[in-house]
Amino acid sequence: MISINFGSRTPVYQQLYDDVVRLASLGILKSNTKLPPVRVLATELGINPNTVQKAYKMLESDGYIYSTVGRGSFVSEKLGQNEAEKIEAKKKLKESASDAYKKGVTKEEIISIVDSAINGGNGND
């Protein structure tokens, strides 16, 4: 379910954070779903428990999960289907814009394409 790419430049804790958001956006993790305990997930993924704890703390501080003493961590209502899809869409848009910019598309062209897409046009192919 949750996977880590050890060859990625993205830190492991960020990959874990992003995966929880992605799984929620796909409807796999629903509100109030119990997340695996820190030590169990760390063992399954072959990573340090502190890394899992860091990702869980980030998710909790952003309001995407909540923890209860003695019961564990759960997906919050905030990370419902619509909110998770919005987060995933923003992430994809940011990655696409960054990739286009690195390949020579100007900021103005990117803005024009996005503006055209929002207004129902085709953009500047």
PDB file of N, CA and C in Angstrom:
ATOM      1  N   MET A   1       0.830  -1.183   0.000  1.00  0.00           N
ATOM      2  CA  MET A   1       0.000   0.000   0.000  1.00  0.00           C
ATOM      3  C   MET A   1       0.878   1.252   0.000  1.00  0.00           C
ATOM      4  N   ILE A   2       1.679   1.441   1.026  1.00  0.00           N
ATOM      5  CA  ILE A   2       2.608   2.569   1.091  1.00  0.00           C
ATOM      6  C   ILE A   2       3.957   2.062   0.613  1.00  0.00           C
ATOM      7  N   SER A   3       4.570   2.819  -0.296  1.00  0.00           N
ATOM      8  CA  SER A   3       5.865   2.391  -0.819  1.00  0.00           C
ATOM      9  C   SER A   3       6.855   3.544  -0.769  1.00  0.00           C
ATOM     10  N   ILE A   4       8.118   3.190  -0.668  1.00  0.00           N
ATOM     11  CA  ILE A   4       9.208   4.164  -0.603  1.00  0.00           C
ATOM     12  C   ILE A   4      10.170   3.883  -1.747  1.00  0.00           C
ATOM     13  N   ASN A   5      10.575   4.936  -2.447  1.00  0.00           N
ATOM     14  CA  ASN A   5      11.574   4.828  -3.498  1.00  0.00           C
ATOM     15  C   ASN A   5      12.892   5.346  -2.925  1.00  0.00           C
ATOM     16  N   PHE A   6      13.775   4.431  -2.575  1.00  0.00           N
ATOM     17  CA  PHE A   6      15.034   4.819  -1.955  1.00  0.00           C
ATOM     18  C   PHE A   6      15.981   5.498  -2.928  1.00  0.00           C
ATOM     19  N   GLY A   7      15.707   5.417  -4.227  1.00  0.00           N
ATOM     20  CA  GLY A   7      16.525   6.077  -5.225  1.00  0.00           C
ATOM     21  C   GLY A   7      16.080   7.508  -5.511  1.00  0.00           C
ATOM     22  N   SER A   8      14.952   7.892  -4.946  1.00  0.00           N
ATOM     23  CA  SER A   8      14.397   9.228  -5.187  1.00  0.00           C
ATOM     24  C   SER A   8      15.163  10.289  -4.411  1.00  0.00           C
ATOM     25  N   ARG A   9      15.159  11.492  -4.956  1.00  0.00           N
ATOM     26  CA  ARG A   9      15.780  12.621  -4.251  1.00  0.00           C
ATOM     27  C   ARG A   9      14.854  13.180  -3.173  1.00  0.00           C
ATOM     28  N   THR A  10      13.573  12.798  -3.237  1.00  0.00           N
ATOM     29  CA  THR A  10      12.600  13.243  -2.245  1.00  0.00           C
ATOM     30  C   THR A  10      12.871  12.515  -0.932  1.00  0.00           C
ATOM     31  N   PRO A  11      12.949  13.253   0.177  1.00  0.00           N
ATOM     32  CA  PRO A  11      13.202  12.599   1.468  1.00  0.00           C
ATOM     33  C   PRO A  11      12.135  11.541   1.772  1.00  0.00           C
ATOM     34  N   VAL A  12      12.540  10.499   2.477  1.00  0.00           N
ATOM     35  CA  VAL A  12      11.651   9.383   2.787  1.00  0.00           C
ATOM     36  C   VAL A  12      10.419   9.864   3.552  1.00  0.00           C
ATOM     37  N   TYR A  13      10.606  10.754   4.534  1.00  0.00           N
ATOM     38  CA  TYR A  13       9.455  11.228   5.309  1.00  0.00           C
ATOM     39  C   TYR A  13       8.461  11.958   4.419  1.00  0.00           C
ATOM     40  N   GLN A  14       8.957  12.700   3.397  1.00  0.00           N
ATOM     41  CA  GLN A  14       8.074  13.415   2.477  1.00  0.00           C
ATOM     42  C   GLN A  14       7.338  12.435   1.572  1.00  0.00           C
ATOM     43  N   GLN A  15       8.025  11.369   1.145  1.00  0.00           N
ATOM     44  CA  GLN A  15       7.375  10.338   0.334  1.00  0.00           C
ATOM     45  C   GLN A  15       6.239   9.685   1.115  1.00  0.00           C
ATOM     46  N   LEU A  16       6.486   9.420   2.382  1.00  0.00           N
ATOM     47  CA  LEU A  16       5.475   8.817   3.248  1.00  0.00           C
ATOM     48  C   LEU A  16       4.278   9.763   3.396  1.00  0.00           C
ATOM     49  N   TYR A  17       4.556  11.024   3.657  1.00  0.00           N
ATOM     50  CA  TYR A  17       3.519  12.060   3.766  1.00  0.00           C
ATOM     51  C   TYR A  17       2.685  12.093   2.483  1.00  0.00           C
ATOM     52  N   ASP A  18       3.379  12.179   1.337  1.00  0.00           N
ATOM     53  CA  ASP A  18       2.702  12.263   0.048  1.00  0.00           C
ATOM     54  C   ASP A  18       1.874  11.020  -0.244  1.00  0.00           C
ATOM     55  N   ASP A  19       2.381   9.853   0.159  1.00  0.00           N
ATOM     56  CA  ASP A  19       1.666   8.606  -0.078  1.00  0.00           C
ATOM     57  C   ASP A  19       0.357   8.545   0.700  1.00  0.00           C
ATOM     58  N   VAL A  20       0.368   9.009   1.932  1.00  0.00           N
ATOM     59  CA  VAL A  20      -0.868   9.021   2.724  1.00  0.00           C
ATOM     60  C   VAL A  20      -1.893   9.932   2.041  1.00  0.00           C
ATOM     61  N   VAL A  21      -1.451  11.093   1.591  1.00  0.00           N
ATOM     62  CA  VAL A  21      -2.350  12.021   0.892  1.00  0.00           C
ATOM     63  C   VAL A  21      -2.858  11.386  -0.407  1.00  0.00           C
ATOM     64  N   ARG A  22      -1.963  10.744  -1.140  1.00  0.00           N
ATOM     65  CA  ARG A  22      -2.345  10.110  -2.413  1.00  0.00           C
ATOM     66  C   ARG A  22      -3.357   8.997  -2.185  1.00  0.00           C
ATOM     67  N   LEU A  23      -3.097   8.151  -1.189  1.00  0.00           N
ATOM     68  CA  LEU A  23      -4.013   7.048  -0.912  1.00  0.00           C
ATOM     69  C   LEU A  23      -5.389   7.548  -0.481  1.00  0.00           C
ATOM     70  N   ALA A  24      -5.410   8.657   0.216  1.00  0.00           N
ATOM     71  CA  ALA A  24      -6.693   9.246   0.605  1.00  0.00           C
ATOM     72  C   ALA A  24      -7.406   9.806  -0.618  1.00  0.00           C
ATOM     73  N   SER A  25      -6.647  10.407  -1.536  1.00  0.00           N
ATOM     74  CA  SER A  25      -7.271  10.978  -2.726  1.00  0.00           C
ATOM     75  C   SER A  25      -7.836   9.901  -3.642  1.00  0.00           C
ATOM     76  N   LEU A  26      -7.263   8.716  -3.583  1.00  0.00           N
ATOM     77  CA  LEU A  26      -7.775   7.598  -4.377  1.00  0.00           C
ATOM     78  C   LEU A  26      -8.939   6.898  -3.682  1.00  0.00           C
ATOM     79  N   GLY A  27      -9.225   7.304  -2.455  1.00  0.00           N
ATOM     80  CA  GLY A  27     -10.314   6.693  -1.702  1.00  0.00           C
ATOM     81  C   GLY A  27      -9.926   5.414  -0.989  1.00  0.00           C
ATOM     82  N   ILE A  28      -8.642   5.070  -1.016  1.00  0.00           N
ATOM     83  CA  ILE A  28      -8.173   3.861  -0.339  1.00  0.00           C
ATOM     84  C   ILE A  28      -8.166   4.073   1.169  1.00  0.00           C
ATOM     85  N   LEU A  29      -7.700   5.241   1.597  1.00  0.00           N
ATOM     86  CA  LEU A  29      -7.754   5.608   3.012  1.00  0.00           C
ATOM     87  C   LEU A  29      -8.934   6.547   3.214  1.00  0.00           C
ATOM     88  N   LYS A  30      -9.909   6.099   3.930  1.00  0.00           N
ATOM     89  CA  LYS A  30     -11.091   6.919   4.194  1.00  0.00           C
ATOM     90  C   LYS A  30     -10.967   7.584   5.559  1.00  0.00           C
ATOM     91  N   SER A  31     -11.799   8.574   5.810  1.00  0.00           N
ATOM     92  CA  SER A  31     -11.806   9.255   7.101  1.00  0.00           C
ATOM     93  C   SER A  31     -11.950   8.236   8.221  1.00  0.00           C
ATOM     94  N   ASN A  32     -11.188   8.461   9.288  1.00  0.00           N
ATOM     95  CA  ASN A  32     -11.169   7.620  10.493  1.00  0.00           C
ATOM     96  C   ASN A  32     -10.532   6.248  10.294  1.00  0.00           C
ATOM     97  N   THR A  33      -9.845   6.047   9.155  1.00  0.00           N
ATOM     98  CA  THR A  33      -9.092   4.813   8.946  1.00  0.00           C
ATOM     99  C   THR A  33      -7.863   4.850   9.844  1.00  0.00           C
ATOM    100  N   LYS A  34      -7.622   3.748  10.558  1.00  0.00           N
ATOM    101  CA  LYS A  34      -6.453   3.671  11.445  1.00  0.00           C
ATOM    102  C   LYS A  34      -5.198   3.440  10.610  1.00  0.00           C
ATOM    103  N   LEU A  35      -4.189   4.261  10.852  1.00  0.00           N
ATOM    104  CA  LEU A  35      -2.898   4.093  10.184  1.00  0.00           C
ATOM    105  C   LEU A  35      -2.064   3.078  10.967  1.00  0.00           C
ATOM    106  N   PRO A  36      -1.133   2.420  10.289  1.00  0.00           N
ATOM    107  CA  PRO A  36      -0.279   1.464  11.009  1.00  0.00           C
ATOM    108  C   PRO A  36       0.531   2.173  12.088  1.00  0.00           C
ATOM    109  N   PRO A  37       0.793   1.495  13.217  1.00  0.00           N
ATOM    110  CA  PRO A  37       1.658   2.086  14.248  1.00  0.00           C
ATOM    111  C   PRO A  37       3.035   2.412  13.672  1.00  0.00           C
ATOM    112  N   VAL A  38       3.684   3.394  14.250  1.00  0.00           N
ATOM    113  CA  VAL A  38       4.975   3.872  13.754  1.00  0.00           C
ATOM    114  C   VAL A  38       5.976   2.732  13.600  1.00  0.00           C
ATOM    115  N   ARG A  39       6.152   1.945  14.635  1.00  0.00           N
ATOM    116  CA  ARG A  39       7.156   0.866  14.591  1.00  0.00           C
ATOM    117  C   ARG A  39       6.813  -0.216  13.570  1.00  0.00           C
ATOM    118  N   VAL A  40       5.536  -0.533  13.451  1.00  0.00           N
ATOM    119  CA  VAL A  40       5.108  -1.549  12.479  1.00  0.00           C
ATOM    120  C   VAL A  40       5.387  -1.069  11.062  1.00  0.00           C
ATOM    121  N   LEU A  41       4.990   0.166  10.761  1.00  0.00           N
ATOM    122  CA  LEU A  41       5.213   0.709   9.417  1.00  0.00           C
ATOM    123  C   LEU A  41       6.703   0.829   9.113  1.00  0.00           C
ATOM    124  N   ALA A  42       7.476   1.268  10.092  1.00  0.00           N
ATOM    125  CA  ALA A  42       8.925   1.395   9.899  1.00  0.00           C
ATOM    126  C   ALA A  42       9.540   0.034   9.567  1.00  0.00           C
ATOM    127  N   THR A  43       9.121  -0.989  10.268  1.00  0.00           N
ATOM    128  CA  THR A  43       9.640  -2.343  10.027  1.00  0.00           C
ATOM    129  C   THR A  43       9.239  -2.824   8.636  1.00  0.00           C
ATOM    130  N   GLU A  44       7.958  -2.617   8.266  1.00  0.00           N
ATOM    131  CA  GLU A  44       7.475  -3.041   6.949  1.00  0.00           C
ATOM    132  C   GLU A  44       8.229  -2.368   5.815  1.00  0.00           C
ATOM    133  N   LEU A  45       8.534  -1.077   5.990  1.00  0.00           N
ATOM    134  CA  LEU A  45       9.193  -0.309   4.931  1.00  0.00           C
ATOM    135  C   LEU A  45      10.721  -0.376   5.004  1.00  0.00           C
ATOM    136  N   GLY A  46      11.243  -0.890   6.118  1.00  0.00           N
ATOM    137  CA  GLY A  46      12.694  -0.961   6.285  1.00  0.00           C
ATOM    138  C   GLY A  46      13.322   0.396   6.520  1.00  0.00           C
ATOM    139  N   ILE A  47      12.624   1.238   7.274  1.00  0.00           N
ATOM    140  CA  ILE A  47      13.140   2.577   7.563  1.00  0.00           C
ATOM    141  C   ILE A  47      13.152   2.814   9.069  1.00  0.00           C
ATOM    142  N   ASN A  48      13.788   3.896   9.472  1.00  0.00           N
ATOM    143  CA  ASN A  48      13.889   4.252  10.879  1.00  0.00           C
ATOM    144  C   ASN A  48      12.530   4.724  11.404  1.00  0.00           C
ATOM    145  N   PRO A  49      12.131   4.268  12.592  1.00  0.00           N
ATOM    146  CA  PRO A  49      10.859   4.732  13.170  1.00  0.00           C
ATOM    147  C   PRO A  49      10.773   6.252  13.307  1.00  0.00           C
ATOM    148  N   ASN A  50      11.904   6.913  13.515  1.00  0.00           N
ATOM    149  CA  ASN A  50      11.891   8.379  13.622  1.00  0.00           C
ATOM    150  C   ASN A  50      11.422   9.033  12.323  1.00  0.00           C
ATOM    151  N   THR A  51      11.716   8.398  11.200  1.00  0.00           N
ATOM    152  CA  THR A  51      11.291   8.915   9.901  1.00  0.00           C
ATOM    153  C   THR A  51       9.775   8.838   9.775  1.00  0.00           C
ATOM    154  N   VAL A  52       9.202   7.710  10.185  1.00  0.00           N
ATOM    155  CA  VAL A  52       7.746   7.549  10.161  1.00  0.00           C
ATOM    156  C   VAL A  52       7.112   8.553  11.116  1.00  0.00           C
ATOM    157  N   GLN A  53       7.697   8.692  12.302  1.00  0.00           N
ATOM    158  CA  GLN A  53       7.174   9.622  13.297  1.00  0.00           C
ATOM    159  C   GLN A  53       7.173  11.052  12.754  1.00  0.00           C
ATOM    160  N   LYS A  54       8.224  11.422  12.019  1.00  0.00           N
ATOM    161  CA  LYS A  54       8.308  12.771  11.447  1.00  0.00           C
ATOM    162  C   LYS A  54       7.185  12.993  10.435  1.00  0.00           C
ATOM    163  N   ALA A  55       6.950  11.999   9.584  1.00  0.00           N
ATOM    164  CA  ALA A  55       5.875  12.118   8.592  1.00  0.00           C
ATOM    165  C   ALA A  55       4.519  12.215   9.287  1.00  0.00           C
ATOM    166  N   TYR A  56       4.301  11.388  10.305  1.00  0.00           N
ATOM    167  CA  TYR A  56       3.034  11.422  11.045  1.00  0.00           C
ATOM    168  C   TYR A  56       2.849  12.776  11.734  1.00  0.00           C
ATOM    169  N   LYS A  57       3.921  13.326  12.289  1.00  0.00           N
ATOM    170  CA  LYS A  57       3.818  14.640  12.952  1.00  0.00           C
ATOM    171  C   LYS A  57       3.472  15.723  11.942  1.00  0.00           C
ATOM    172  N   MET A  58       4.059  15.658  10.746  1.00  0.00           N
ATOM    173  CA  MET A  58       3.743  16.628   9.697  1.00  0.00           C
ATOM    174  C   MET A  58       2.279  16.506   9.277  1.00  0.00           C
ATOM    175  N   LEU A  59       1.831  15.272   9.088  1.00  0.00           N
ATOM    176  CA  LEU A  59       0.438  15.039   8.707  1.00  0.00           C
ATOM    177  C   LEU A  59      -0.513  15.545   9.786  1.00  0.00           C
ATOM    178  N   GLU A  60      -0.132  15.315  11.052  1.00  0.00           N
ATOM    179  CA  GLU A  60      -0.973  15.757  12.154  1.00  0.00           C
ATOM    180  C   GLU A  60      -0.983  17.282  12.266  1.00  0.00           C
ATOM    181  N   SER A  61       0.181  17.906  12.100  1.00  0.00           N
ATOM    182  CA  SER A  61       0.232  19.372  12.212  1.00  0.00           C
ATOM    183  C   SER A  61      -0.537  20.044  11.072  1.00  0.00           C
ATOM    184  N   ASP A  62      -0.633  19.368   9.923  1.00  0.00           N
ATOM    185  CA  ASP A  62      -1.400  19.897   8.801  1.00  0.00           C
ATOM    186  C   ASP A  62      -2.884  19.528   8.905  1.00  0.00           C
ATOM    187  N   GLY A  63      -3.232  18.749   9.933  1.00  0.00           N
ATOM    188  CA  GLY A  63      -4.627  18.395  10.166  1.00  0.00           C
ATOM    189  C   GLY A  63      -5.135  17.224   9.353  1.00  0.00           C
ATOM    190  N   TYR A  64      -4.241  16.478   8.716  1.00  0.00           N
ATOM    191  CA  TYR A  64      -4.660  15.361   7.877  1.00  0.00           C
ATOM    192  C   TYR A  64      -4.861  14.070   8.657  1.00  0.00           C
ATOM    193  N   ILE A  65      -4.202  13.958   9.798  1.00  0.00           N
ATOM    194  CA  ILE A  65      -4.427  12.810  10.677  1.00  0.00           C
ATOM    195  C   ILE A  65      -4.579  13.334  12.103  1.00  0.00           C
ATOM    196  N   TYR A  66      -5.109  12.493  12.955  1.00  0.00           N
ATOM    197  CA  TYR A  66      -5.184  12.816  14.380  1.00  0.00           C
ATOM    198  C   TYR A  66      -4.776  11.579  15.161  1.00  0.00           C
ATOM    199  N   SER A  67      -4.261  11.807  16.349  1.00  0.00           N
ATOM    200  CA  SER A  67      -3.807  10.711  17.196  1.00  0.00           C
ATOM    201  C   SER A  67      -4.575  10.733  18.504  1.00  0.00           C
ATOM    202  N   THR A  68      -4.837   9.544  19.011  1.00  0.00           N
ATOM    203  CA  THR A  68      -5.435   9.424  20.332  1.00  0.00           C
ATOM    204  C   THR A  68      -4.542   8.502  21.156  1.00  0.00           C
ATOM    205  N   VAL A  69      -4.307   8.885  22.392  1.00  0.00           N
ATOM    206  CA  VAL A  69      -3.411   8.133  23.265  1.00  0.00           C
ATOM    207  C   VAL A  69      -3.929   6.701  23.428  1.00  0.00           C
ATOM    208  N   GLY A  70      -3.055   5.759  23.162  1.00  0.00           N
ATOM    209  CA  GLY A  70      -3.385   4.356  23.340  1.00  0.00           C
ATOM    210  C   GLY A  70      -4.158   3.720  22.202  1.00  0.00           C
ATOM    211  N   ARG A  71      -4.610   4.519  21.251  1.00  0.00           N
ATOM    212  CA  ARG A  71      -5.386   3.966  20.131  1.00  0.00           C
ATOM    213  C   ARG A  71      -4.656   4.067  18.805  1.00  0.00           C
ATOM    214  N   GLY A  72      -3.816   5.097  18.627  1.00  0.00           N
ATOM    215  CA  GLY A  72      -3.065   5.235  17.389  1.00  0.00           C
ATOM    216  C   GLY A  72      -3.414   6.485  16.608  1.00  0.00           C
ATOM    217  N   SER A  73      -3.037   6.458  15.334  1.00  0.00           N
ATOM    218  CA  SER A  73      -3.257   7.590  14.431  1.00  0.00           C
ATOM    219  C   SER A  73      -4.310   7.221  13.397  1.00  0.00           C
ATOM    220  N   PHE A  74      -5.155   8.213  13.060  1.00  0.00           N
ATOM    221  CA  PHE A  74      -6.268   7.987  12.154  1.00  0.00           C
ATOM    222  C   PHE A  74      -6.335   9.107  11.126  1.00  0.00           C
ATOM    223  N   VAL A  75      -6.874   8.793   9.937  1.00  0.00           N
ATOM    224  CA  VAL A  75      -7.087   9.800   8.906  1.00  0.00           C
ATOM    225  C   VAL A  75      -8.216  10.703   9.371  1.00  0.00           C
ATOM    226  N   SER A  76      -8.009  12.012   9.294  1.00  0.00           N
ATOM    227  CA  SER A  76      -9.014  12.967   9.765  1.00  0.00           C
ATOM    228  C   SER A  76     -10.080  13.216   8.703  1.00  0.00           C
ATOM    229  N   GLU A  77     -11.123  13.906   9.116  1.00  0.00           N
ATOM    230  CA  GLU A  77     -12.198  14.294   8.200  1.00  0.00           C
ATOM    231  C   GLU A  77     -11.685  15.281   7.157  1.00  0.00           C
ATOM    232  N   LYS A  78     -10.668  16.071   7.513  1.00  0.00           N
ATOM    233  CA  LYS A  78     -10.134  17.094   6.608  1.00  0.00           C
ATOM    234  C   LYS A  78      -9.628  16.478   5.318  1.00  0.00           C
ATOM    235  N   LEU A  79      -9.112  15.263   5.437  1.00  0.00           N
ATOM    236  CA  LEU A  79      -8.530  14.617   4.265  1.00  0.00           C
ATOM    237  C   LEU A  79      -9.567  13.740   3.565  1.00  0.00           C
ATOM    238  N   GLY A  80     -10.751  14.306   3.386  1.00  0.00           N
ATOM    239  CA  GLY A  80     -11.801  13.610   2.654  1.00  0.00           C
ATOM    240  C   GLY A  80     -11.459  13.571   1.179  1.00  0.00           C
ATOM    241  N   GLN A  81     -12.293  12.909   0.419  1.00  0.00           N
ATOM    242  CA  GLN A  81     -12.051  12.697  -1.005  1.00  0.00           C
ATOM    243  C   GLN A  81     -11.781  13.999  -1.759  1.00  0.00           C
ATOM    244  N   ASN A  82     -12.622  15.003  -1.589  1.00  0.00           N
ATOM    245  CA  ASN A  82     -12.459  16.236  -2.352  1.00  0.00           C
ATOM    246  C   ASN A  82     -11.181  16.986  -1.981  1.00  0.00           C
ATOM    247  N   GLU A  83     -10.898  17.091  -0.693  1.00  0.00           N
ATOM    248  CA  GLU A  83      -9.695  17.803  -0.248  1.00  0.00           C
ATOM    249  C   GLU A  83      -8.433  17.082  -0.709  1.00  0.00           C
ATOM    250  N   ALA A  84      -8.433  15.768  -0.609  1.00  0.00           N
ATOM    251  CA  ALA A  84      -7.270  14.986  -1.030  1.00  0.00           C
ATOM    252  C   ALA A  84      -7.044  15.112  -2.535  1.00  0.00           C
ATOM    253  N   GLU A  85      -8.126  15.094  -3.308  1.00  0.00           N
ATOM    254  CA  GLU A  85      -7.996  15.255  -4.761  1.00  0.00           C
ATOM    255  C   GLU A  85      -7.444  16.637  -5.105  1.00  0.00           C
ATOM    256  N   LYS A  86      -7.871  17.641  -4.370  1.00  0.00           N
ATOM    257  CA  LYS A  86      -7.379  19.005  -4.599  1.00  0.00           C
ATOM    258  C   LYS A  86      -5.876  19.084  -4.313  1.00  0.00           C
ATOM    259  N   ILE A  87      -5.442  18.476  -3.228  1.00  0.00           N
ATOM    260  CA  ILE A  87      -4.020  18.467  -2.870  1.00  0.00           C
ATOM    261  C   ILE A  87      -3.213  17.755  -3.947  1.00  0.00           C
ATOM    262  N   GLU A  88      -3.710  16.613  -4.403  1.00  0.00           N
ATOM    263  CA  GLU A  88      -3.021  15.838  -5.436  1.00  0.00           C
ATOM    264  C   GLU A  88      -2.949  16.630  -6.741  1.00  0.00           C
ATOM    265  N   ALA A  89      -4.034  17.305  -7.110  1.00  0.00           N
ATOM    266  CA  ALA A  89      -4.060  18.100  -8.338  1.00  0.00           C
ATOM    267  C   ALA A  89      -3.060  19.251  -8.270  1.00  0.00           C
ATOM    268  N   LYS A  90      -2.990  19.917  -7.120  1.00  0.00           N
ATOM    269  CA  LYS A  90      -2.039  21.023  -6.949  1.00  0.00           C
ATOM    270  C   LYS A  90      -0.603  20.521  -7.054  1.00  0.00           C
ATOM    271  N   LYS A  91      -0.349  19.349  -6.480  1.00  0.00           N
ATOM    272  CA  LYS A  91       0.996  18.770  -6.542  1.00  0.00           C
ATOM    273  C   LYS A  91       1.382  18.471  -7.993  1.00  0.00           C
ATOM    274  N   LYS A  92       0.460  17.875  -8.756  1.00  0.00           N
ATOM    275  CA  LYS A  92       0.735  17.550 -10.159  1.00  0.00           C
ATOM    276  C   LYS A  92       0.947  18.812 -10.988  1.00  0.00           C
ATOM    277  N   LEU A  93       0.139  19.843 -10.731  1.00  0.00           N
ATOM    278  CA  LEU A  93       0.279  21.102 -11.453  1.00  0.00           C
ATOM    279  C   LEU A  93       1.643  21.729 -11.169  1.00  0.00           C
ATOM    280  N   LYS A  94       2.044  21.726  -9.907  1.00  0.00           N
ATOM    281  CA  LYS A  94       3.336  22.288  -9.524  1.00  0.00           C
ATOM    282  C   LYS A  94       4.477  21.536 -10.203  1.00  0.00           C
ATOM    283  N   GLU A  95       4.398  20.199 -10.198  1.00  0.00           N
ATOM    284  CA  GLU A  95       5.443  19.386 -10.834  1.00  0.00           C
ATOM    285  C   GLU A  95       5.501  19.643 -12.333  1.00  0.00           C
ATOM    286  N   SER A  96       4.336  19.729 -12.975  1.00  0.00           N
ATOM    287  CA  SER A  96       4.285  19.971 -14.421  1.00  0.00           C
ATOM    288  C   SER A  96       4.851  21.341 -14.775  1.00  0.00           C
ATOM    289  N   ALA A  97       4.460  22.355 -14.000  1.00  0.00           N
ATOM    290  CA  ALA A  97       4.962  23.703 -14.265  1.00  0.00           C
ATOM    291  C   ALA A  97       6.476  23.764 -14.075  1.00  0.00           C
ATOM    292  N   SER A  98       6.959  23.124 -13.017  1.00  0.00           N
ATOM    293  CA  SER A  98       8.396  23.102 -12.755  1.00  0.00           C
ATOM    294  C   SER A  98       9.149  22.398 -13.880  1.00  0.00           C
ATOM    295  N   ASP A  99       8.616  21.272 -14.328  1.00  0.00           N
ATOM    296  CA  ASP A  99       9.244  20.511 -15.408  1.00  0.00           C
ATOM    297  C   ASP A  99       9.268  21.328 -16.702  1.00  0.00           C
ATOM    298  N   ALA A 100       8.146  21.977 -17.017  1.00  0.00           N
ATOM    299  CA  ALA A 100       8.080  22.798 -18.229  1.00  0.00           C
ATOM    300  C   ALA A 100       9.077  23.947 -18.164  1.00  0.00           C
ATOM    301  N   TYR A 101       9.175  24.590 -17.003  1.00  0.00           N
ATOM    302  CA  TYR A 101      10.098  25.716 -16.828  1.00  0.00           C
ATOM    303  C   TYR A 101      11.549  25.262 -17.029  1.00  0.00           C
ATOM    304  N   LYS A 102      11.874  24.096 -16.490  1.00  0.00           N
ATOM    305  CA  LYS A 102      13.232  23.553 -16.630  1.00  0.00           C
ATOM    306  C   LYS A 102      13.557  23.231 -18.085  1.00  0.00           C
ATOM    307  N   LYS A 103      12.514  22.992 -18.895  1.00  0.00           N
ATOM    308  CA  LYS A 103      12.713  22.648 -20.297  1.00  0.00           C
ATOM    309  C   LYS A 103      12.600  23.851 -21.215  1.00  0.00           C
ATOM    310  N   GLY A 104      12.547  25.057 -20.616  1.00  0.00           N
ATOM    311  CA  GLY A 104      12.599  26.270 -21.418  1.00  0.00           C
ATOM    312  C   GLY A 104      11.296  27.015 -21.617  1.00  0.00           C
ATOM    313  N   VAL A 105      10.199  26.511 -21.104  1.00  0.00           N
ATOM    314  CA  VAL A 105       8.939  27.241 -21.216  1.00  0.00           C
ATOM    315  C   VAL A 105       9.003  28.399 -20.225  1.00  0.00           C
ATOM    316  N   THR A 106       8.705  29.593 -20.695  1.00  0.00           N
ATOM    317  CA  THR A 106       8.813  30.765 -19.823  1.00  0.00           C
ATOM    318  C   THR A 106       7.668  30.815 -18.812  1.00  0.00           C
ATOM    319  N   LYS A 107       7.886  31.597 -17.766  1.00  0.00           N
ATOM    320  CA  LYS A 107       6.857  31.781 -16.737  1.00  0.00           C
ATOM    321  C   LYS A 107       5.590  32.353 -17.366  1.00  0.00           C
ATOM    322  N   GLU A 108       5.756  33.317 -18.257  1.00  0.00           N
ATOM    323  CA  GLU A 108       4.610  33.944 -18.913  1.00  0.00           C
ATOM    324  C   GLU A 108       3.843  32.930 -19.745  1.00  0.00           C
ATOM    325  N   GLU A 109       4.561  32.054 -20.453  1.00  0.00           N
ATOM    326  CA  GLU A 109       3.894  31.022 -21.254  1.00  0.00           C
ATOM    327  C   GLU A 109       3.119  30.048 -20.354  1.00  0.00           C
ATOM    328  N   ILE A 110       3.721  29.672 -19.229  1.00  0.00           N
ATOM    329  CA  ILE A 110       3.051  28.767 -18.293  1.00  0.00           C
ATOM    330  C   ILE A 110       1.769  29.408 -17.769  1.00  0.00           C
ATOM    331  N   ILE A 111       1.867  30.669 -17.377  1.00  0.00           N
ATOM    332  CA  ILE A 111       0.689  31.395 -16.866  1.00  0.00           C
ATOM    333  C   ILE A 111      -0.379  31.488 -17.948  1.00  0.00           C
ATOM    334  N   SER A 112       0.022  31.764 -19.173  1.00  0.00           N
ATOM    335  CA  SER A 112      -0.916  31.869 -20.285  1.00  0.00           C
ATOM    336  C   SER A 112      -1.620  30.532 -20.539  1.00  0.00           C
ATOM    337  N   ILE A 113      -0.873  29.444 -20.481  1.00  0.00           N
ATOM    338  CA  ILE A 113      -1.445  28.113 -20.706  1.00  0.00           C
ATOM    339  C   ILE A 113      -2.446  27.768 -19.597  1.00  0.00           C
ATOM    340  N   VAL A 114      -2.065  28.048 -18.357  1.00  0.00           N
ATOM    341  CA  VAL A 114      -2.960  27.771 -17.230  1.00  0.00           C
ATOM    342  C   VAL A 114      -4.215  28.634 -17.335  1.00  0.00           C
ATOM    343  N   ASP A 115      -4.032  29.916 -17.649  1.00  0.00           N
ATOM    344  CA  ASP A 115      -5.168  30.824 -17.789  1.00  0.00           C
ATOM    345  C   ASP A 115      -6.104  30.342 -18.897  1.00  0.00           C
ATOM    346  N   SER A 116      -5.535  29.926 -20.000  1.00  0.00           N
ATOM    347  CA  SER A 116      -6.334  29.438 -21.112  1.00  0.00           C
ATOM    348  C   SER A 116      -7.074  28.153 -20.732  1.00  0.00           C
ATOM    349  N   ALA A 117      -6.414  27.269 -20.006  1.00  0.00           N
ATOM    350  CA  ALA A 117      -7.051  26.019 -19.577  1.00  0.00           C
ATOM    351  C   ALA A 117      -8.246  26.289 -18.657  1.00  0.00           C
ATOM    352  N   ILE A 118      -8.073  27.255 -17.763  1.00  0.00           N
ATOM    353  CA  ILE A 118      -9.145  27.608 -16.835  1.00  0.00           C
ATOM    354  C   ILE A 118     -10.320  28.233 -17.568  1.00  0.00           C
ATOM    355  N   ASN A 119     -10.016  29.000 -18.606  1.00  0.00           N
ATOM    356  CA  ASN A 119     -11.069  29.692 -19.348  1.00  0.00           C
ATOM    357  C   ASN A 119     -11.616  28.872 -20.515  1.00  0.00           C
ATOM    358  N   GLY A 120     -11.240  27.588 -20.584  1.00  0.00           N
ATOM    359  CA  GLY A 120     -11.814  26.702 -21.590  1.00  0.00           C
ATOM    360  C   GLY A 120     -11.104  26.637 -22.912  1.00  0.00           C
ATOM    361  N   GLY A 121      -9.970  27.301 -23.035  1.00  0.00           N
ATOM    362  CA  GLY A 121      -9.215  27.265 -24.296  1.00  0.00           C
ATOM    363  C   GLY A 121      -8.246  26.099 -24.318  1.00  0.00           C
ATOM    364  N   ASN A 122      -7.460  26.056 -25.362  1.00  0.00           N
ATOM    365  CA  ASN A 122      -6.478  24.973 -25.525  1.00  0.00           C
ATOM    366  C   ASN A 122      -5.094  25.344 -25.004  1.00  0.00           C
ATOM    367  N   GLY A 123      -4.848  26.592 -24.716  1.00  0.00           N
ATOM    368  CA  GLY A 123      -3.506  27.012 -24.321  1.00  0.00           C
ATOM    369  C   GLY A 123      -2.639  27.210 -25.535  1.00  0.00           C
ATOM    370  N   ASN A 124      -1.391  27.533 -25.301  1.00  0.00           N
ATOM    371  CA  ASN A 124      -0.440  27.741 -26.397  1.00  0.00           C
ATOM    372  C   ASN A 124       0.399  26.494 -26.551  1.00  0.00           C
ATOM    373  N   ASP A 125      -0.094  25.564 -27.365  1.00  0.00           N
ATOM    374  CA  ASP A 125       0.628  24.300 -27.561  1.00  0.00           C
ATOM    375  C   ASP A 125       1.933  24.633 -28.144  1.00  0.00           C
TER     376      ASP A 125
END
